[in-house]
C-alpha atoms as a PDB file:
ATOM      1  CA  MET A   1      11.123  94.218  58.603  1.00  0.00           C
ATOM      2  CA  GLU A   2       9.979  97.441  56.927  1.00  0.00           C
ATOM      3  CA  GLN A   3      12.161  98.817  54.128  1.00  0.00           C
ATOM      4  CA  MET A   4      13.657 102.259  54.530  1.00  0.00           C
ATOM      5  CA  LYS A   5      11.889 104.854  52.365  1.00  0.00           C
ATOM      6  CA  LEU A   6      13.895 107.747  50.971  1.00  0.00           C
ATOM      7  CA  ASP A   7      12.262 111.018  49.961  1.00  0.00           C
ATOM      8  CA  LEU A   8      13.339 113.172  47.027  1.00  0.00           C
ATOM      9  CA  GLU A   9      15.497 115.518  49.095  1.00  0.00           C
ATOM     10  CA  THR A  10      17.294 112.667  50.850  1.00  0.00           C
ATOM     11  CA  ILE A  11      18.079 111.052  47.501  1.00  0.00           C
ATOM     12  CA  ARG A  12      19.291 114.400  46.134  1.00  0.00           C
ATOM     13  CA  GLU A  13      21.572 114.913  49.119  1.00  0.00           C
ATOM     14  CA  MET A  14      22.949 111.369  48.794  1.00  0.00           C
ATOM     15  CA  MET A  15      23.744 112.120  45.141  1.00  0.00           C
ATOM     16  CA  LYS A  16      25.387 115.450  46.126  1.00  0.00           C
ATOM     17  CA  LYS A  17      23.320 117.404  43.597  1.00  0.00           C
ATOM     18  CA  SER A  18      21.820 120.866  43.827  1.00  0.00           C
ATOM     19  CA  ARG A  19      18.059 121.242  43.513  1.00  0.00           C
ATOM     20  CA  LYS A  20      18.546 122.656  40.015  1.00  0.00           C
ATOM     21  CA  GLU A  21      20.771 119.744  38.949  1.00  0.00           C
ATOM     22  CA  MET A  22      18.312 117.206  40.339  1.00  0.00           C
ATOM     23  CA  ALA A  23      15.397 118.925  38.615  1.00  0.00           C
ATOM     24  CA  GLU A  24      17.236 118.657  35.293  1.00  0.00           C
ATOM     25  CA  LEU A  25      18.053 114.999  35.907  1.00  0.00           C
ATOM     26  CA  ILE A  26      14.411 114.056  36.461  1.00  0.00           C
ATOM     27  CA  GLY A  27      13.147 116.328  33.697  1.00  0.00           C
ATOM     28  CA  VAL A  28      11.276 119.031  35.584  1.00  0.00           C
ATOM     29  CA  ASN A  29      11.799 122.738  36.099  1.00  0.00           C
ATOM     30  CA  LEU A  30      13.064 124.047  39.432  1.00  0.00           C
ATOM     31  CA  ASP A  31       9.644 125.329  40.510  1.00  0.00           C
ATOM     32  CA  ARG A  32       8.079 121.879  40.019  1.00  0.00           C
ATOM     33  CA  TYR A  33      11.034 120.230  41.789  1.00  0.00           C
ATOM     34  CA  ASN A  34      10.555 122.497  44.803  1.00  0.00           C
ATOM     35  CA  ARG A  35       6.851 121.615  44.949  1.00  0.00           C
ATOM     36  CA  LEU A  36       7.686 117.895  44.728  1.00  0.00           C
ATOM     37  CA  ALA A  37      10.330 118.193  47.441  1.00  0.00           C
ATOM     38  CA  THR A  38       7.942 119.879  49.869  1.00  0.00           C
ATOM     39  CA  GLY A  39       4.996 117.624  49.079  1.00  0.00           C
ATOM     40  CA  ASP A  40       2.909 120.476  47.659  1.00  0.00           C
ATOM     41  CA  THR A  41       2.301 118.400  44.536  1.00  0.00           C
ATOM     42  CA  LYS A  42       2.291 114.665  43.906  1.00  0.00           C
ATOM     43  CA  MET A  43       5.018 113.034  41.833  1.00  0.00           C
ATOM     44  CA  LEU A  44       3.909 111.710  38.467  1.00  0.00           C
ATOM     45  CA  ALA A  45       4.818 108.168  37.401  1.00  0.00           C
ATOM     46  CA  VAL A  46       7.181 109.486  34.729  1.00  0.00           C
ATOM     47  CA  GLU A  47       9.008 111.555  37.366  1.00  0.00           C
ATOM     48  CA  LEU A  48       9.225 108.564  39.691  1.00  0.00           C
ATOM     49  CA  MET A  49      10.685 106.469  36.853  1.00  0.00           C
ATOM     50  CA  ALA A  50      13.227 109.206  36.090  1.00  0.00           C
ATOM     51  CA  LEU A  51      14.203 109.457  39.761  1.00  0.00           C
ATOM     52  CA  HIS A  52      14.674 105.691  39.938  1.00  0.00           C
ATOM     53  CA  SER A  53      16.719 105.760  36.726  1.00  0.00           C
ATOM     54  CA  VAL A  54      19.158 108.487  37.837  1.00  0.00           C
ATOM     55  CA  SER A  55      19.491 107.356  41.459  1.00  0.00           C
ATOM     56  CA  ASN A  56      19.221 103.545  41.197  1.00  0.00           C
ATOM     57  CA  VAL A  57      16.987 103.633  44.272  1.00  0.00           C
ATOM     58  CA  PRO A  58      14.342 100.899  43.895  1.00  0.00           C
ATOM     59  CA  TYR A  59      10.795 102.166  43.366  1.00  0.00           C
ATOM     60  CA  GLU A  60       9.594 100.556  46.574  1.00  0.00           C
ATOM     61  CA  ASN A  61      12.232 102.494  48.546  1.00  0.00           C
ATOM     62  CA  ILE A  62      11.184 105.917  47.229  1.00  0.00           C
ATOM     63  CA  LYS A  63       8.863 107.836  49.547  1.00  0.00           C
ATOM     64  CA  VAL A  64       6.451 109.923  47.521  1.00  0.00           C
ATOM     65  CA  LEU A  65       5.231 112.965  49.415  1.00  0.00           C
ATOM     66  CA  SER A  66       1.738 114.304  48.800  1.00  0.00           C
END
């Protein structure tokens, strides 16, 4: 059975955070967050680790848009 993958926006909504709050939590500015959320830019490993750390979503369940 395939694991459910959650994208950045879904995780943010589950955490009930604004885009600005989520950007601060993962250590990026709002402009970069918006580009990550829309898939205009690829998430760096350090950002993925930060997202995992603040959300407790396992790495393998995070869908990275590109």
